[in-house]
Protein backbone atom coordinates (compact mmCIF):
# COMPACT_ATOMS: atom_id res chain seq x y z
CA UNK A 1 9.26 -12.21 -42.73
CA UNK A 2 11.95 -9.47 -43.44
CA UNK A 3 13.58 -8.69 -40.64
CA UNK A 4 17.26 -7.35 -42.09
CA UNK A 5 19.09 -4.72 -39.43
CA UNK A 6 22.42 -3.10 -39.48
CA UNK A 7 23.01 -3.52 -36.00
CA UNK A 8 25.14 -6.11 -34.32
CA UNK A 9 23.71 -9.34 -33.86
CA UNK A 10 24.56 -12.14 -31.35
CA UNK A 11 23.46 -15.15 -31.56
CA UNK A 12 22.79 -17.18 -27.98
CA UNK A 13 23.66 -20.87 -28.75
CA UNK A 14 20.54 -23.08 -27.17
CA UNK A 15 21.37 -27.21 -26.94
CA UNK A 16 17.42 -27.55 -27.62
CA UNK A 17 16.16 -27.59 -30.71
CA UNK A 18 14.23 -24.56 -31.94
CA UNK A 19 12.53 -26.03 -34.80
CA UNK A 20 8.74 -26.86 -34.58
CA UNK A 21 7.51 -30.39 -32.90
CA UNK A 22 5.77 -32.88 -35.00
CA UNK A 23 2.82 -32.82 -33.18
CA UNK A 24 0.45 -29.44 -32.14
CA UNK A 25 -0.06 -29.83 -28.57
CA UNK A 26 1.85 -28.19 -25.82
CA UNK A 27 4.71 -30.19 -24.68
CA UNK A 28 6.07 -29.73 -20.94
CA UNK A 29 9.65 -27.45 -20.75
CA UNK A 30 12.50 -29.27 -20.17
CA UNK A 31 15.38 -27.23 -19.64
CA UNK A 32 18.72 -28.41 -21.31
CA UNK A 33 21.26 -30.11 -19.86
CA UNK A 34 23.25 -27.18 -19.91
CA UNK A 35 21.13 -24.84 -18.18
CA UNK A 36 20.62 -27.59 -15.47
CA UNK A 37 24.14 -27.23 -15.20
CA UNK A 38 24.06 -23.64 -14.63
CA UNK A 39 21.09 -23.96 -12.14
CA UNK A 40 23.08 -26.23 -10.34
CA UNK A 41 25.99 -24.24 -9.50
CA UNK A 42 23.91 -20.82 -8.80
CA UNK A 43 22.27 -22.83 -6.41
CA UNK A 44 25.12 -24.50 -4.96
CA UNK A 45 26.74 -20.81 -4.51
CA UNK A 46 23.63 -19.49 -2.96
CA UNK A 47 23.54 -21.91 -0.34
CA UNK A 48 26.73 -21.50 0.50
CA UNK A 49 26.47 -17.65 0.52
CA UNK A 50 22.79 -18.33 2.50
CA UNK A 51 25.08 -20.03 5.09
CA UNK A 52 27.57 -17.71 5.79
CA UNK A 53 24.38 -15.26 5.99
CA UNK A 54 23.27 -17.40 8.95
CA UNK A 55 26.66 -17.75 10.72
CA UNK A 56 27.13 -13.89 11.10
CA UNK A 57 23.89 -14.00 12.16
CA UNK A 58 24.53 -16.67 14.88
CA UNK A 59 27.53 -14.46 15.60
CA UNK A 60 25.68 -11.47 16.02
CA UNK A 61 23.20 -13.54 18.74
CA UNK A 62 26.77 -14.65 20.58
CA UNK A 63 27.59 -11.22 20.80
CA UNK A 64 24.42 -10.08 22.31
CA UNK A 65 24.61 -12.47 25.44
CA UNK A 66 28.08 -10.42 26.44
CA UNK A 67 27.16 -7.86 29.62
CA UNK A 68 28.08 -4.62 27.28
CA UNK A 69 27.06 -6.02 23.37
CA UNK A 70 29.35 -3.99 20.82
CA UNK A 71 26.90 -2.04 19.03
CA UNK A 72 29.68 -1.31 16.25
CA UNK A 73 30.13 -4.74 15.47
CA UNK A 74 26.47 -5.62 15.91
CA UNK A 75 25.47 -3.25 13.15
CA UNK A 76 28.38 -4.94 10.86
CA UNK A 77 27.53 -8.27 10.95
CA UNK A 78 24.10 -7.19 10.54
CA UNK A 79 24.72 -5.39 7.13
CA UNK A 80 27.36 -7.90 6.18
CA UNK A 81 24.48 -10.25 7.07
CA UNK A 82 22.36 -8.33 4.77
CA UNK A 83 25.25 -8.67 1.53
CA UNK A 84 25.45 -12.22 1.87
CA UNK A 85 21.58 -12.71 2.38
CA UNK A 86 20.81 -10.82 -0.96
CA UNK A 87 23.38 -12.03 -3.15
CA UNK A 88 22.45 -15.62 -2.48
CA UNK A 89 18.89 -14.64 -3.27
CA UNK A 90 19.62 -13.10 -6.71
CA UNK A 91 21.86 -16.23 -7.50
CA UNK A 92 18.70 -18.41 -6.22
CA UNK A 93 16.21 -16.80 -8.51
CA UNK A 94 18.82 -16.77 -11.36
CA UNK A 95 18.90 -20.47 -11.23
CA UNK A 96 15.46 -20.52 -11.01
CA UNK A 97 15.18 -19.04 -14.46
CA UNK A 98 17.35 -21.54 -15.98
CA UNK A 99 15.78 -24.94 -14.79
CA UNK A 100 12.29 -23.61 -13.44
CA UNK A 101 9.95 -25.77 -11.36
CA UNK A 102 6.24 -26.89 -12.24
CA UNK A 103 3.43 -25.11 -10.97
CA UNK A 104 1.52 -28.77 -10.94
CA UNK A 105 3.46 -29.20 -7.66
CA UNK A 106 2.31 -26.37 -5.87
CA UNK A 107 4.39 -26.33 -2.45
CA UNK A 108 7.47 -27.24 -4.21
CA UNK A 109 6.58 -24.04 -6.92
CA UNK A 110 6.02 -21.75 -4.35
CA UNK A 111 8.95 -23.24 -2.00
CA UNK A 112 11.35 -23.23 -4.79
CA UNK A 113 10.67 -19.59 -6.15
CA UNK A 114 10.40 -17.76 -2.90
CA UNK A 115 13.40 -19.40 -0.55
CA UNK A 116 14.86 -16.17 -0.98
CA UNK A 117 12.38 -14.57 1.39
CA UNK A 118 11.87 -17.67 3.27
CA UNK A 119 15.79 -17.52 4.06
CA UNK A 120 15.53 -13.66 4.85
CA UNK A 121 13.38 -14.24 7.63
CA UNK A 122 15.62 -17.21 8.97
CA UNK A 123 18.60 -14.96 8.93
CA UNK A 124 17.06 -11.64 10.58
CA UNK A 125 13.81 -12.00 12.40
CA UNK A 126 15.47 -14.64 15.30
CA UNK A 127 18.21 -11.77 15.66
CA UNK A 128 15.91 -8.49 15.87
CA UNK A 129 13.84 -10.53 18.56
CA UNK A 130 16.46 -11.05 20.55
CA UNK A 131 17.66 -7.47 20.38
CA UNK A 132 14.24 -6.06 21.46
CA UNK A 133 14.24 -8.43 24.35
CA UNK A 134 17.94 -8.10 25.34
CA UNK A 135 18.41 -6.83 28.95
CA UNK A 136 21.86 -5.47 28.36
CA UNK A 137 20.96 -3.21 25.81
CA UNK A 138 19.71 0.41 26.76
CA UNK A 139 16.69 1.62 24.88
CA UNK A 140 18.46 3.50 22.76
CA UNK A 141 20.85 0.77 21.70
CA UNK A 142 17.72 -1.28 21.01
CA UNK A 143 16.05 1.11 19.00
CA UNK A 144 18.97 1.79 16.66
CA UNK A 145 20.11 -2.13 16.19
CA UNK A 146 16.45 -3.14 15.93
CA UNK A 147 16.00 -0.54 13.40
CA UNK A 148 19.03 -1.58 11.60
CA UNK A 149 17.82 -5.19 11.75
CA UNK A 150 14.08 -4.56 10.43
CA UNK A 151 15.55 -2.76 7.42
CA UNK A 152 17.46 -5.60 6.71
CA UNK A 153 15.22 -7.99 6.73
CA UNK A 154 12.87 -5.73 4.36
CA UNK A 155 15.59 -5.51 1.89
CA UNK A 156 16.75 -8.87 2.11
CA UNK A 157 12.93 -9.82 2.04
CA UNK A 158 12.32 -7.51 -0.75
CA UNK A 159 15.16 -8.83 -3.30
CA UNK A 160 14.28 -12.73 -2.21
CA UNK A 161 10.90 -12.48 -3.54
CA UNK A 162 10.79 -13.13 -6.66
CA UNK A 163 7.80 -11.45 -8.15
CA UNK A 164 7.44 -13.12 -11.41
CA UNK A 165 7.88 -16.70 -10.70
CA UNK A 166 9.26 -18.61 -13.66
CA UNK A 167 7.45 -21.93 -14.35
CA UNK A 168 7.91 -24.76 -16.83
CA UNK A 169 4.27 -24.33 -17.93
CA UNK A 170 4.94 -20.36 -18.67
CA UNK A 171 8.16 -21.47 -20.45
CA UNK A 172 6.22 -23.83 -22.37
CA UNK A 173 3.00 -21.33 -23.36
CA UNK A 174 5.74 -19.00 -24.56
CA UNK A 175 7.39 -20.84 -26.44
CA UNK A 176 4.18 -21.77 -28.16
CA UNK A 177 2.65 -18.55 -29.08
CA UNK A 178 6.38 -17.73 -30.39
CA UNK A 179 6.27 -20.72 -32.46
CA UNK A 180 2.50 -20.30 -33.67
CA UNK A 181 3.44 -16.44 -35.24
CA UNK A 182 6.99 -17.59 -36.64
CA UNK A 183 5.76 -20.52 -38.61
CA UNK A 184 7.23 -23.22 -36.04
CA UNK A 185 10.57 -21.38 -35.17
CA UNK A 186 11.37 -20.69 -31.21
CA UNK A 187 13.89 -17.94 -32.06
CA UNK A 188 13.24 -14.25 -30.44
CA UNK A 189 15.41 -11.06 -30.44
CA UNK A 190 15.80 -8.98 -27.48
CA UNK A 191 18.60 -5.90 -26.06
CA UNK A 192 20.47 -5.68 -22.56
CA UNK A 193 18.47 -3.19 -21.81
CA UNK A 194 14.71 -3.94 -23.07
CA UNK A 195 12.07 -5.52 -21.55
CA UNK A 196 10.62 -7.59 -24.53
CA UNK A 197 11.27 -10.01 -26.86
CA UNK A 198 11.07 -9.39 -30.70
CA UNK A 199 10.01 -11.35 -33.45
CA UNK A 200 11.63 -9.27 -35.92
CA UNK A 201 15.00 -7.82 -35.74
CA UNK A 202 13.96 -4.84 -37.64
CA UNK A 203 11.35 -3.79 -34.83
CA UNK A 204 11.70 0.04 -34.21
CA UNK A 205 11.67 -0.65 -30.96
CA UNK A 206 15.12 -2.42 -30.85
CA UNK A 207 16.69 -1.06 -34.09
CA UNK A 208 16.86 2.42 -33.07
CA UNK A 209 20.11 4.66 -33.03
CA UNK A 210 20.28 4.00 -29.56
CA UNK A 211 20.79 0.27 -30.14
CA UNK A 212 24.25 -1.10 -30.65
CA UNK A 213 23.90 -5.04 -30.24
CA UNK A 214 20.86 -6.98 -30.61
CA UNK A 215 20.81 -10.56 -29.12
CA UNK A 216 18.79 -13.57 -30.84
CA UNK A 217 17.84 -16.63 -28.98
CA UNK A 218 14.85 -19.20 -27.78
CA UNK A 219 12.42 -17.58 -25.66
CA UNK A 220 14.08 -19.56 -22.85
CA UNK A 221 17.22 -17.77 -23.09
CA UNK A 222 15.75 -14.34 -23.13
CA UNK A 223 14.67 -15.69 -19.86
CA UNK A 224 17.27 -17.06 -18.24
CA UNK A 225 19.88 -14.18 -19.41
CA UNK A 226 17.44 -11.23 -19.05
CA UNK A 227 14.36 -12.31 -16.88
CA UNK A 228 12.41 -11.00 -20.18
CA UNK A 229 8.67 -12.50 -20.09
CA UNK A 230 7.00 -10.02 -22.47
CA UNK A 231 6.33 -10.30 -26.06
CA UNK A 232 6.55 -6.77 -28.11
CA UNK A 233 2.80 -5.83 -28.84
CA UNK A 234 3.98 -4.54 -31.88
CA UNK A 235 5.79 -7.36 -33.44
CA UNK A 236 2.64 -9.39 -31.77
CA UNK A 237 0.08 -7.84 -34.23
CA UNK A 238 2.76 -7.60 -37.36
CA UNK A 239 3.04 -11.30 -37.02
CA UNK A 240 -0.73 -11.88 -36.53
CA UNK A 241 -1.46 -9.52 -39.79
CA UNK A 242 1.04 -11.40 -42.16
CA UNK A 243 -0.28 -15.01 -40.74
CA UNK A 244 -4.08 -13.87 -40.99
CA UNK A 245 -4.62 -14.65 -37.30
CA UNK A 246 -6.71 -11.20 -36.37
CA UNK A 247 -9.66 -13.51 -35.14
CA UNK A 248 -7.35 -15.35 -33.10
CA UNK A 249 -5.69 -12.57 -31.55
CA UNK A 250 -9.25 -10.66 -30.72
CA UNK A 251 -10.50 -13.82 -28.90
CA UNK A 252 -7.18 -14.34 -26.76
CA UNK A 253 -7.49 -11.20 -25.78
CA UNK A 254 -11.37 -11.39 -24.82
């Protein structure tokens, strides 16, 4: 395949081999030791941030028990709670991209990928309920504090939900697709702002005047670093044509 480009090319190394396996059956994806170590670090930090978020909620609940709860501090605590909850969720989702769960264990798969949303409910819902049932707050104060709490819950929940959950099965399927189209090589190309990974570094979608740097690495690396899960349609059609796989592509679309 001819895929030369004058753009800066940055290789993202992976400890796993990118050559084709001896057997043709799809092997389960296993994260490298390096990726697992990074995922463990991110999860640890995420848990610490979530603990701080829940701790801030507890402090806010304590303030609500006072005869005259300080509204300013209550709102400040809710905002801080939101910041720590969102930061934890973003790191947790990043960790899941480095070391994804398997879809075979449905319960673990759902909990691991949507834990950020679960934590968001824990970090805000009890506080919101106590705000609206608090006898020491006036109706106006309940409306203001409650509205801030509900908005914080919705924002934290949105960032906590993983709408495109990574899984070992997805990684394996995407990797095998790339290998089939590239003579057994697990190597793709992407850019900082791109939404797809490419089979050719001279693809016009990434090798344009606006492109400064092109990254190359495995499918897993594209997912880990940029959460890219989509194969460029133009690259796929080009590879299928070069390998004479038009019929197989048609069958897969059906």
